[in-house]
Amino acid sequence: VSRDYPTLLRAVAGLTRAVVIRSRKL
């Protein structure tokens, strides 16, 4: 529950580099 993936997703919106998230919560 410590992870803040909503903030990460907002941060990488439009990023041309690939993003990988290893999580069962998303």
mmCIF file of all heavy atoms, coordinates in Angstrom:
data_MODEL
# 
_entry.id   MODEL 
# 
loop_
_atom_site.group_PDB 
_atom_site.id 
_atom_site.type_symbol 
_atom_site.label_atom_id 
_atom_site.label_alt_id 
_atom_site.label_comp_id 
_atom_site.label_asym_id 
_atom_site.label_entity_id 
_atom_site.label_seq_id 
_atom_site.pdbx_PDB_ins_code 
_atom_site.Cartn_x 
_atom_site.Cartn_y 
_atom_site.Cartn_z 
_atom_site.occupancy 
_atom_site.B_iso_or_equiv 
_atom_site.pdbx_formal_charge 
_atom_site.auth_seq_id 
_atom_site.auth_comp_id 
_atom_site.auth_asym_id 
_atom_site.auth_atom_id 
_atom_site.pdbx_PDB_model_num 
ATOM 1   N N   . VAL A 1 1  ? 0.811  -1.214  0.000   1.00 0.00 ? 1  VAL A N   1 
ATOM 2   C CA  . VAL A 1 1  ? 0.000  0.000   0.000   1.00 0.00 ? 1  VAL A CA  1 
ATOM 3   C C   . VAL A 1 1  ? 0.848  1.270   0.000   1.00 0.00 ? 1  VAL A C   1 
ATOM 4   O O   . VAL A 1 1  ? 0.299  2.368   -0.196  1.00 0.00 ? 1  VAL A O   1 
ATOM 5   C CB  . VAL A 1 1  ? -0.933 0.033   1.227   1.00 0.00 ? 1  VAL A CB  1 
ATOM 6   C CG1 . VAL A 1 1  ? -1.941 -1.110  1.158   1.00 0.00 ? 1  VAL A CG1 1 
ATOM 7   C CG2 . VAL A 1 1  ? -0.143 -0.043  2.536   1.00 0.00 ? 1  VAL A CG2 1 
ATOM 8   N N   . SER A 1 2  ? 2.146  1.147   0.192   1.00 0.00 ? 2  SER A N   1 
ATOM 9   C CA  . SER A 1 2  ? 2.999  2.345   0.197   1.00 0.00 ? 2  SER A CA  1 
ATOM 10  C C   . SER A 1 2  ? 3.170  2.942   -1.195  1.00 0.00 ? 2  SER A C   1 
ATOM 11  O O   . SER A 1 2  ? 3.490  4.126   -1.332  1.00 0.00 ? 2  SER A O   1 
ATOM 12  C CB  . SER A 1 2  ? 4.375  2.009   0.778   1.00 0.00 ? 2  SER A CB  1 
ATOM 13  O OG  . SER A 1 2  ? 5.097  1.158   -0.099  1.00 0.00 ? 2  SER A OG  1 
ATOM 14  N N   . ARG A 1 3  ? 2.947  2.153   -2.258  1.00 0.00 ? 3  ARG A N   1 
ATOM 15  C CA  . ARG A 1 3  ? 3.217  2.627   -3.613  1.00 0.00 ? 3  ARG A CA  1 
ATOM 16  C C   . ARG A 1 3  ? 2.184  3.642   -4.085  1.00 0.00 ? 3  ARG A C   1 
ATOM 17  O O   . ARG A 1 3  ? 0.983  3.463   -3.911  1.00 0.00 ? 3  ARG A O   1 
ATOM 18  C CB  . ARG A 1 3  ? 3.270  1.464   -4.612  1.00 0.00 ? 3  ARG A CB  1 
ATOM 19  C CG  . ARG A 1 3  ? 4.356  0.434   -4.359  1.00 0.00 ? 3  ARG A CG  1 
ATOM 20  C CD  . ARG A 1 3  ? 5.730  1.062   -4.213  1.00 0.00 ? 3  ARG A CD  1 
ATOM 21  N NE  . ARG A 1 3  ? 6.783  0.075   -4.314  1.00 0.00 ? 3  ARG A NE  1 
ATOM 22  C CZ  . ARG A 1 3  ? 7.201  -0.699  -3.298  1.00 0.00 ? 3  ARG A CZ  1 
ATOM 23  N NH1 . ARG A 1 3  ? 6.626  -0.595  -2.120  1.00 0.00 ? 3  ARG A NH1 1 
ATOM 24  N NH2 . ARG A 1 3  ? 8.181  -1.562  -3.468  1.00 0.00 ? 3  ARG A NH2 1 
ATOM 25  N N   . ASP A 1 4  ? 2.669  4.689   -4.733  1.00 0.00 ? 4  ASP A N   1 
ATOM 26  C CA  . ASP A 1 4  ? 1.813  5.754   -5.260  1.00 0.00 ? 4  ASP A CA  1 
ATOM 27  C C   . ASP A 1 4  ? 1.865  5.706   -6.785  1.00 0.00 ? 4  ASP A C   1 
ATOM 28  O O   . ASP A 1 4  ? 2.494  6.551   -7.435  1.00 0.00 ? 4  ASP A O   1 
ATOM 29  C CB  . ASP A 1 4  ? 2.286  7.111   -4.729  1.00 0.00 ? 4  ASP A CB  1 
ATOM 30  C CG  . ASP A 1 4  ? 1.404  8.256   -5.203  1.00 0.00 ? 4  ASP A CG  1 
ATOM 31  O OD1 . ASP A 1 4  ? 0.346  7.982   -5.792  1.00 0.00 ? 4  ASP A OD1 1 
ATOM 32  O OD2 . ASP A 1 4  ? 1.802  9.420   -5.009  1.00 0.00 ? 4  ASP A OD2 1 
ATOM 33  N N   . TYR A 1 5  ? 1.199  4.718   -7.369  1.00 0.00 ? 5  TYR A N   1 
ATOM 34  C CA  . TYR A 1 5  ? 1.226  4.581   -8.812  1.00 0.00 ? 5  TYR A CA  1 
ATOM 35  C C   . TYR A 1 5  ? 0.432  5.661   -9.546  1.00 0.00 ? 5  TYR A C   1 
ATOM 36  O O   . TYR A 1 5  ? 0.804  6.025   -10.672 1.00 0.00 ? 5  TYR A O   1 
ATOM 37  C CB  . TYR A 1 5  ? 0.751  3.184   -9.216  1.00 0.00 ? 5  TYR A CB  1 
ATOM 38  C CG  . TYR A 1 5  ? 1.753  2.109   -8.881  1.00 0.00 ? 5  TYR A CG  1 
ATOM 39  C CD1 . TYR A 1 5  ? 1.381  0.980   -8.150  1.00 0.00 ? 5  TYR A CD1 1 
ATOM 40  C CD2 . TYR A 1 5  ? 3.087  2.227   -9.269  1.00 0.00 ? 5  TYR A CD2 1 
ATOM 41  C CE1 . TYR A 1 5  ? 2.309  -0.010  -7.839  1.00 0.00 ? 5  TYR A CE1 1 
ATOM 42  C CE2 . TYR A 1 5  ? 4.017  1.246   -8.950  1.00 0.00 ? 5  TYR A CE2 1 
ATOM 43  C CZ  . TYR A 1 5  ? 3.622  0.138   -8.236  1.00 0.00 ? 5  TYR A CZ  1 
ATOM 44  O OH  . TYR A 1 5  ? 4.548  -0.828  -7.912  1.00 0.00 ? 5  TYR A OH  1 
ATOM 45  N N   . PRO A 1 6  ? -0.631 6.215   -8.980  1.00 0.00 ? 6  PRO A N   1 
ATOM 46  C CA  . PRO A 1 6  ? -1.297 7.324   -9.684  1.00 0.00 ? 6  PRO A CA  1 
ATOM 47  C C   . PRO A 1 6  ? -0.350 8.489   -9.971  1.00 0.00 ? 6  PRO A C   1 
ATOM 48  O O   . PRO A 1 6  ? -0.385 9.076   -11.061 1.00 0.00 ? 6  PRO A O   1 
ATOM 49  C CB  . PRO A 1 6  ? -2.422 7.717   -8.728  1.00 0.00 ? 6  PRO A CB  1 
ATOM 50  C CG  . PRO A 1 6  ? -2.757 6.448   -8.022  1.00 0.00 ? 6  PRO A CG  1 
ATOM 51  C CD  . PRO A 1 6  ? -1.437 5.765   -7.823  1.00 0.00 ? 6  PRO A CD  1 
ATOM 52  N N   . THR A 1 7  ? 0.506  8.835   -9.011  1.00 0.00 ? 7  THR A N   1 
ATOM 53  C CA  . THR A 1 7  ? 1.474  9.909   -9.249  1.00 0.00 ? 7  THR A CA  1 
ATOM 54  C C   . THR A 1 7  ? 2.461  9.518   -10.341 1.00 0.00 ? 7  THR A C   1 
ATOM 55  O O   . THR A 1 7  ? 2.810  10.330  -11.207 1.00 0.00 ? 7  THR A O   1 
ATOM 56  C CB  . THR A 1 7  ? 2.216  10.250  -7.945  1.00 0.00 ? 7  THR A CB  1 
ATOM 57  O OG1 . THR A 1 7  ? 1.293  10.851  -7.033  1.00 0.00 ? 7  THR A OG1 1 
ATOM 58  C CG2 . THR A 1 7  ? 3.359  11.222  -8.192  1.00 0.00 ? 7  THR A CG2 1 
ATOM 59  N N   . LEU A 1 8  ? 2.926  8.267   -10.329 1.00 0.00 ? 8  LEU A N   1 
ATOM 60  C CA  . LEU A 1 8  ? 3.851  7.813   -11.367 1.00 0.00 ? 8  LEU A CA  1 
ATOM 61  C C   . LEU A 1 8  ? 3.196  7.883   -12.741 1.00 0.00 ? 8  LEU A C   1 
ATOM 62  O O   . LEU A 1 8  ? 3.811  8.341   -13.716 1.00 0.00 ? 8  LEU A O   1 
ATOM 63  C CB  . LEU A 1 8  ? 4.320  6.388   -11.074 1.00 0.00 ? 8  LEU A CB  1 
ATOM 64  C CG  . LEU A 1 8  ? 5.194  5.741   -12.154 1.00 0.00 ? 8  LEU A CG  1 
ATOM 65  C CD1 . LEU A 1 8  ? 6.489  6.515   -12.362 1.00 0.00 ? 8  LEU A CD1 1 
ATOM 66  C CD2 . LEU A 1 8  ? 5.494  4.284   -11.808 1.00 0.00 ? 8  LEU A CD2 1 
ATOM 67  N N   . LEU A 1 9  ? 1.954  7.431   -12.847 1.00 0.00 ? 9  LEU A N   1 
ATOM 68  C CA  . LEU A 1 9  ? 1.280  7.439   -14.143 1.00 0.00 ? 9  LEU A CA  1 
ATOM 69  C C   . LEU A 1 9  ? 1.102  8.863   -14.663 1.00 0.00 ? 9  LEU A C   1 
ATOM 70  O O   . LEU A 1 9  ? 1.260  9.118   -15.866 1.00 0.00 ? 9  LEU A O   1 
ATOM 71  C CB  . LEU A 1 9  ? -0.065 6.728   -14.033 1.00 0.00 ? 9  LEU A CB  1 
ATOM 72  C CG  . LEU A 1 9  ? 0.005  5.208   -13.821 1.00 0.00 ? 9  LEU A CG  1 
ATOM 73  C CD1 . LEU A 1 9  ? -1.387 4.641   -13.576 1.00 0.00 ? 9  LEU A CD1 1 
ATOM 74  C CD2 . LEU A 1 9  ? 0.667  4.510   -15.006 1.00 0.00 ? 9  LEU A CD2 1 
ATOM 75  N N   . ARG A 1 10 ? 0.783  9.782   -13.779 1.00 0.00 ? 10 ARG A N   1 
ATOM 76  C CA  . ARG A 1 10 ? 0.668  11.180  -14.229 1.00 0.00 ? 10 ARG A CA  1 
ATOM 77  C C   . ARG A 1 10 ? 2.033  11.703  -14.674 1.00 0.00 ? 10 ARG A C   1 
ATOM 78  O O   . ARG A 1 10 ? 2.130  12.472  -15.642 1.00 0.00 ? 10 ARG A O   1 
ATOM 79  C CB  . ARG A 1 10 ? 0.106  12.059  -13.100 1.00 0.00 ? 10 ARG A CB  1 
ATOM 80  C CG  . ARG A 1 10 ? -1.356 11.795  -12.785 1.00 0.00 ? 10 ARG A CG  1 
ATOM 81  C CD  . ARG A 1 10 ? -1.968 12.915  -11.976 1.00 0.00 ? 10 ARG A CD  1 
ATOM 82  N NE  . ARG A 1 10 ? -1.330 13.073  -10.674 1.00 0.00 ? 10 ARG A NE  1 
ATOM 83  C CZ  . ARG A 1 10 ? -1.700 12.418  -9.585  1.00 0.00 ? 10 ARG A CZ  1 
ATOM 84  N NH1 . ARG A 1 10 ? -2.691 11.540  -9.643  1.00 0.00 ? 10 ARG A NH1 1 
ATOM 85  N NH2 . ARG A 1 10 ? -1.084 12.635  -8.444  1.00 0.00 ? 10 ARG A NH2 1 
ATOM 86  N N   . ALA A 1 11 ? 3.090  11.270  -13.995 1.00 0.00 ? 11 ALA A N   1 
ATOM 87  C CA  . ALA A 1 11 ? 4.433  11.758  -14.319 1.00 0.00 ? 11 ALA A CA  1 
ATOM 88  C C   . ALA A 1 11 ? 4.911  11.260  -15.678 1.00 0.00 ? 11 ALA A C   1 
ATOM 89  O O   . ALA A 1 11 ? 5.619  11.976  -16.394 1.00 0.00 ? 11 ALA A O   1 
ATOM 90  C CB  . ALA A 1 11 ? 5.420  11.334  -13.231 1.00 0.00 ? 11 ALA A CB  1 
ATOM 91  N N   . VAL A 1 12 ? 4.545  10.035  -16.061 1.00 0.00 ? 12 VAL A N   1 
ATOM 92  C CA  . VAL A 1 12 ? 5.090  9.461   -17.299 1.00 0.00 ? 12 VAL A CA  1 
ATOM 93  C C   . VAL A 1 12 ? 4.146  9.641   -18.484 1.00 0.00 ? 12 VAL A C   1 
ATOM 94  O O   . VAL A 1 12 ? 4.439  9.139   -19.577 1.00 0.00 ? 12 VAL A O   1 
ATOM 95  C CB  . VAL A 1 12 ? 5.424  7.960   -17.107 1.00 0.00 ? 12 VAL A CB  1 
ATOM 96  C CG1 . VAL A 1 12 ? 6.454  7.784   -16.005 1.00 0.00 ? 12 VAL A CG1 1 
ATOM 97  C CG2 . VAL A 1 12 ? 4.161  7.139   -16.812 1.00 0.00 ? 12 VAL A CG2 1 
ATOM 98  N N   . ALA A 1 13 ? 3.031  10.337  -18.295 1.00 0.00 ? 13 ALA A N   1 
ATOM 99  C CA  . ALA A 1 13 ? 2.117  10.582  -19.426 1.00 0.00 ? 13 ALA A CA  1 
ATOM 100 C C   . ALA A 1 13 ? 2.867  11.296  -20.546 1.00 0.00 ? 13 ALA A C   1 
ATOM 101 O O   . ALA A 1 13 ? 3.485  12.331  -20.336 1.00 0.00 ? 13 ALA A O   1 
ATOM 102 C CB  . ALA A 1 13 ? 0.932  11.413  -18.963 1.00 0.00 ? 13 ALA A CB  1 
ATOM 103 N N   . GLY A 1 14 ? 2.838  10.705  -21.728 1.00 0.00 ? 14 GLY A N   1 
ATOM 104 C CA  . GLY A 1 14 ? 3.518  11.292  -22.872 1.00 0.00 ? 14 GLY A CA  1 
ATOM 105 C C   . GLY A 1 14 ? 4.994  10.991  -22.961 1.00 0.00 ? 14 GLY A C   1 
ATOM 106 O O   . GLY A 1 14 ? 5.656  11.408  -23.921 1.00 0.00 ? 14 GLY A O   1 
ATOM 107 N N   . LEU A 1 15 ? 5.544  10.273  -22.025 1.00 0.00 ? 15 LEU A N   1 
ATOM 108 C CA  . LEU A 1 15 ? 6.968  9.915   -22.068 1.00 0.00 ? 15 LEU A CA  1 
ATOM 109 C C   . LEU A 1 15 ? 7.211  8.970   -23.240 1.00 0.00 ? 15 LEU A C   1 
ATOM 110 O O   . LEU A 1 15 ? 6.483  7.986   -23.419 1.00 0.00 ? 15 LEU A O   1 
ATOM 111 C CB  . LEU A 1 15 ? 7.380  9.245   -20.755 1.00 0.00 ? 15 LEU A CB  1 
ATOM 112 C CG  . LEU A 1 15 ? 8.860  8.912   -20.576 1.00 0.00 ? 15 LEU A CG  1 
ATOM 113 C CD1 . LEU A 1 15 ? 9.673  10.197  -20.389 1.00 0.00 ? 15 LEU A CD1 1 
ATOM 114 C CD2 . LEU A 1 15 ? 9.054  8.001   -19.353 1.00 0.00 ? 15 LEU A CD2 1 
ATOM 115 N N   . THR A 1 16 ? 8.243  9.244   -24.028 1.00 0.00 ? 16 THR A N   1 
ATOM 116 C CA  . THR A 1 16 ? 8.509  8.388   -25.191 1.00 0.00 ? 16 THR A CA  1 
ATOM 117 C C   . THR A 1 16 ? 9.242  7.111   -24.806 1.00 0.00 ? 16 THR A C   1 
ATOM 118 O O   . THR A 1 16 ? 9.266  6.157   -25.588 1.00 0.00 ? 16 THR A O   1 
ATOM 119 C CB  . THR A 1 16 ? 9.349  9.157   -26.227 1.00 0.00 ? 16 THR A CB  1 
ATOM 120 O OG1 . THR A 1 16 ? 10.557 9.626   -25.608 1.00 0.00 ? 16 THR A OG1 1 
ATOM 121 C CG2 . THR A 1 16 ? 8.565  10.337  -26.778 1.00 0.00 ? 16 THR A CG2 1 
ATOM 122 N N   . ARG A 1 17 ? 9.839  7.075   -23.638 1.00 0.00 ? 17 ARG A N   1 
ATOM 123 C CA  . ARG A 1 17 ? 10.539 5.868   -23.166 1.00 0.00 ? 17 ARG A CA  1 
ATOM 124 C C   . ARG A 1 17 ? 9.526  4.878   -22.586 1.00 0.00 ? 17 ARG A C   1 
ATOM 125 O O   . ARG A 1 17 ? 8.555  5.270   -21.937 1.00 0.00 ? 17 ARG A O   1 
ATOM 126 C CB  . ARG A 1 17 ? 11.570 6.240   -22.097 1.00 0.00 ? 17 ARG A CB  1 
ATOM 127 C CG  . ARG A 1 17 ? 12.465 5.066   -21.641 1.00 0.00 ? 17 ARG A CG  1 
ATOM 128 C CD  . ARG A 1 17 ? 13.392 4.618   -22.754 1.00 0.00 ? 17 ARG A CD  1 
ATOM 129 N NE  . ARG A 1 17 ? 14.301 5.704   -23.139 1.00 0.00 ? 17 ARG A NE  1 
ATOM 130 C CZ  . ARG A 1 17 ? 15.524 5.858   -22.644 1.00 0.00 ? 17 ARG A CZ  1 
ATOM 131 N NH1 . ARG A 1 17 ? 16.002 4.993   -21.756 1.00 0.00 ? 17 ARG A NH1 1 
ATOM 132 N NH2 . ARG A 1 17 ? 16.292 6.851   -23.059 1.00 0.00 ? 17 ARG A NH2 1 
ATOM 133 N N   . ALA A 1 18 ? 9.765  3.587   -22.795 1.00 0.00 ? 18 ALA A N   1 
ATOM 134 C CA  . ALA A 1 18 ? 8.887  2.557   -22.248 1.00 0.00 ? 18 ALA A CA  1 
ATOM 135 C C   . ALA A 1 18 ? 8.949  2.569   -20.719 1.00 0.00 ? 18 ALA A C   1 
ATOM 136 O O   . ALA A 1 18 ? 10.006 2.798   -20.116 1.00 0.00 ? 18 ALA A O   1 
ATOM 137 C CB  . ALA A 1 18 ? 9.294  1.184   -22.773 1.00 0.00 ? 18 ALA A CB  1 
ATOM 138 N N   . VAL A 1 19 ? 7.810  2.312   -20.103 1.00 0.00 ? 19 VAL A N   1 
ATOM 139 C CA  . VAL A 1 19 ? 7.703  2.219   -18.643 1.00 0.00 ? 19 VAL A CA  1 
ATOM 140 C C   . VAL A 1 19 ? 7.165  0.830   -18.305 1.00 0.00 ? 19 VAL A C   1 
ATOM 141 O O   . VAL A 1 19 ? 6.168  0.383   -18.889 1.00 0.00 ? 19 VAL A O   1 
ATOM 142 C CB  . VAL A 1 19 ? 6.757  3.296   -18.083 1.00 0.00 ? 19 VAL A CB  1 
ATOM 143 C CG1 . VAL A 1 19 ? 6.589  3.135   -16.567 1.00 0.00 ? 19 VAL A CG1 1 
ATOM 144 C CG2 . VAL A 1 19 ? 7.272  4.692   -18.428 1.00 0.00 ? 19 VAL A CG2 1 
ATOM 145 N N   . VAL A 1 20 ? 7.809  0.154   -17.367 1.00 0.00 ? 20 VAL A N   1 
ATOM 146 C CA  . VAL A 1 20 ? 7.371  -1.173  -16.920 1.00 0.00 ? 20 VAL A CA  1 
ATOM 147 C C   . VAL A 1 20 ? 7.064  -1.089  -15.431 1.00 0.00 ? 20 VAL A C   1 
ATOM 148 O O   . VAL A 1 20 ? 7.893  -0.626  -14.641 1.00 0.00 ? 20 VAL A O   1 
ATOM 149 C CB  . VAL A 1 20 ? 8.443  -2.247  -17.188 1.00 0.00 ? 20 VAL A CB  1 
ATOM 150 C CG1 . VAL A 1 20 ? 7.987  -3.599  -16.640 1.00 0.00 ? 20 VAL A CG1 1 
ATOM 151 C CG2 . VAL A 1 20 ? 8.751  -2.341  -18.680 1.00 0.00 ? 20 VAL A CG2 1 
ATOM 152 N N   . ILE A 1 21 ? 5.895  -1.556  -15.054 1.00 0.00 ? 21 ILE A N   1 
ATOM 153 C CA  . ILE A 1 21 ? 5.505  -1.598  -13.646 1.00 0.00 ? 21 ILE A CA  1 
ATOM 154 C C   . ILE A 1 21 ? 5.206  -3.046  -13.285 1.00 0.00 ? 21 ILE A C   1 
ATOM 155 O O   . ILE A 1 21 ? 4.310  -3.665  -13.875 1.00 0.00 ? 21 ILE A O   1 
ATOM 156 C CB  . ILE A 1 21 ? 4.266  -0.718  -13.372 1.00 0.00 ? 21 ILE A CB  1 
ATOM 157 C CG1 . ILE A 1 21 ? 4.547  0.740   -13.757 1.00 0.00 ? 21 ILE A CG1 1 
ATOM 158 C CG2 . ILE A 1 21 ? 3.860  -0.819  -11.903 1.00 0.00 ? 21 ILE A CG2 1 
ATOM 159 C CD1 . ILE A 1 21 ? 3.330  1.649   -13.623 1.00 0.00 ? 21 ILE A CD1 1 
ATOM 160 N N   . ARG A 1 22 ? 5.967  -3.586  -12.343 1.00 0.00 ? 22 ARG A N   1 
ATOM 161 C CA  . ARG A 1 22 ? 5.734  -4.962  -11.892 1.00 0.00 ? 22 ARG A CA  1 
ATOM 162 C C   . ARG A 1 22 ? 4.864  -4.884  -10.641 1.00 0.00 ? 22 ARG A C   1 
ATOM 163 O O   . ARG A 1 22 ? 5.327  -4.585  -9.551  1.00 0.00 ? 22 ARG A O   1 
ATOM 164 C CB  . ARG A 1 22 ? 7.056  -5.642  -11.575 1.00 0.00 ? 22 ARG A CB  1 
ATOM 165 C CG  . ARG A 1 22 ? 7.159  -7.140  -11.839 1.00 0.00 ? 22 ARG A CG  1 
ATOM 166 C CD  . ARG A 1 22 ? 6.096  -8.005  -11.263 1.00 0.00 ? 22 ARG A CD  1 
ATOM 167 N NE  . ARG A 1 22 ? 5.989  -7.890  -9.804  1.00 0.00 ? 22 ARG A NE  1 
ATOM 168 C CZ  . ARG A 1 22 ? 4.977  -8.352  -9.102  1.00 0.00 ? 22 ARG A CZ  1 
ATOM 169 N NH1 . ARG A 1 22 ? 3.970  -8.952  -9.677  1.00 0.00 ? 22 ARG A NH1 1 
ATOM 170 N NH2 . ARG A 1 22 ? 4.946  -8.194  -7.793  1.00 0.00 ? 22 ARG A NH2 1 
ATOM 171 N N   . SER A 1 23 ? 3.575  -5.154  -10.798 1.00 0.00 ? 23 SER A N   1 
ATOM 172 C CA  . SER A 1 23 ? 2.660  -5.046  -9.664  1.00 0.00 ? 23 SER A CA  1 
ATOM 173 C C   . SER A 1 23 ? 1.389  -5.826  -9.950  1.00 0.00 ? 23 SER A C   1 
ATOM 174 O O   . SER A 1 23 ? 0.904  -5.848  -11.083 1.00 0.00 ? 23 SER A O   1 
ATOM 175 C CB  . SER A 1 23 ? 2.311  -3.585  -9.387  1.00 0.00 ? 23 SER A CB  1 
ATOM 176 O OG  . SER A 1 23 ? 1.378  -3.482  -8.320  1.00 0.00 ? 23 SER A OG  1 
ATOM 177 N N   . ARG A 1 24 ? 0.861  -6.424  -8.911  1.00 0.00 ? 24 ARG A N   1 
ATOM 178 C CA  . ARG A 1 24 ? -0.449 -7.087  -9.004  1.00 0.00 ? 24 ARG A CA  1 
ATOM 179 C C   . ARG A 1 24 ? -1.581 -6.158  -8.588  1.00 0.00 ? 24 ARG A C   1 
ATOM 180 O O   . ARG A 1 24 ? -2.746 -6.557  -8.615  1.00 0.00 ? 24 ARG A O   1 
ATOM 181 C CB  . ARG A 1 24 ? -0.450 -8.349  -8.127  1.00 0.00 ? 24 ARG A CB  1 
ATOM 182 C CG  . ARG A 1 24 ? 0.471  -9.458  -8.612  1.00 0.00 ? 24 ARG A CG  1 
ATOM 183 C CD  . ARG A 1 24 ? 0.325  -10.712 -7.768  1.00 0.00 ? 24 ARG A CD  1 
ATOM 184 N NE  . ARG A 1 24 ? 0.845  -10.508 -6.423  1.00 0.00 ? 24 ARG A NE  1 
ATOM 185 C CZ  . ARG A 1 24 ? 2.102  -10.759 -6.068  1.00 0.00 ? 24 ARG A CZ  1 
ATOM 186 N NH1 . ARG A 1 24 ? 2.968  -11.197 -6.974  1.00 0.00 ? 24 ARG A NH1 1 
ATOM 187 N NH2 . ARG A 1 24 ? 2.502  -10.568 -4.835  1.00 0.00 ? 24 ARG A NH2 1 
ATOM 188 N N   . LYS A 1 25 ? -1.240 -4.951  -8.178  1.00 0.00 ? 25 LYS A N   1 
ATOM 189 C CA  . LYS A 1 25 ? -2.241 -4.015  -7.671  1.00 0.00 ? 25 LYS A CA  1 
ATOM 190 C C   . LYS A 1 25 ? -2.680 -2.995  -8.726  1.00 0.00 ? 25 LYS A C   1 
ATOM 191 O O   . LYS A 1 25 ? -3.513 -2.142  -8.429  1.00 0.00 ? 25 LYS A O   1 
ATOM 192 C CB  . LYS A 1 25 ? -1.680 -3.264  -6.461  1.00 0.00 ? 25 LYS A CB  1 
ATOM 193 C CG  . LYS A 1 25 ? -1.228 -4.164  -5.322  1.00 0.00 ? 25 LYS A CG  1 
ATOM 194 C CD  . LYS A 1 25 ? -2.375 -4.960  -4.733  1.00 0.00 ? 25 LYS A CD  1 
ATOM 195 C CE  . LYS A 1 25 ? -1.931 -5.768  -3.537  1.00 0.00 ? 25 LYS A CE  1 
ATOM 196 N NZ  . LYS A 1 25 ? -3.020 -6.581  -2.962  1.00 0.00 ? 25 LYS A NZ  1 
ATOM 197 N N   . LEU A 1 26 ? -2.144 -3.088  -9.912  1.00 0.00 ? 26 LEU A N   1 
ATOM 198 C CA  . LEU A 1 26 ? -2.417 -2.096  -10.943 1.00 0.00 ? 26 LEU A CA  1 
ATOM 199 C C   . LEU A 1 26 ? -2.912 -2.793  -12.200 1.00 0.00 ? 26 LEU A C   1 
ATOM 200 O O   . LEU A 1 26 ? -2.359 -3.828  -12.602 1.00 0.00 ? 26 LEU A O   1 
ATOM 201 C CB  . LEU A 1 26 ? -1.137 -1.307  -11.246 1.00 0.00 ? 26 LEU A CB  1 
ATOM 202 C CG  . LEU A 1 26 ? -1.264 -0.050  -12.099 1.00 0.00 ? 26 LEU A CG  1 
ATOM 203 C CD1 . LEU A 1 26 ? -2.084 1.005   -11.383 1.00 0.00 ? 26 LEU A CD1 1 
ATOM 204 C CD2 . LEU A 1 26 ? 0.130  0.495   -12.423 1.00 0.00 ? 26 LEU A CD2 1 
# 
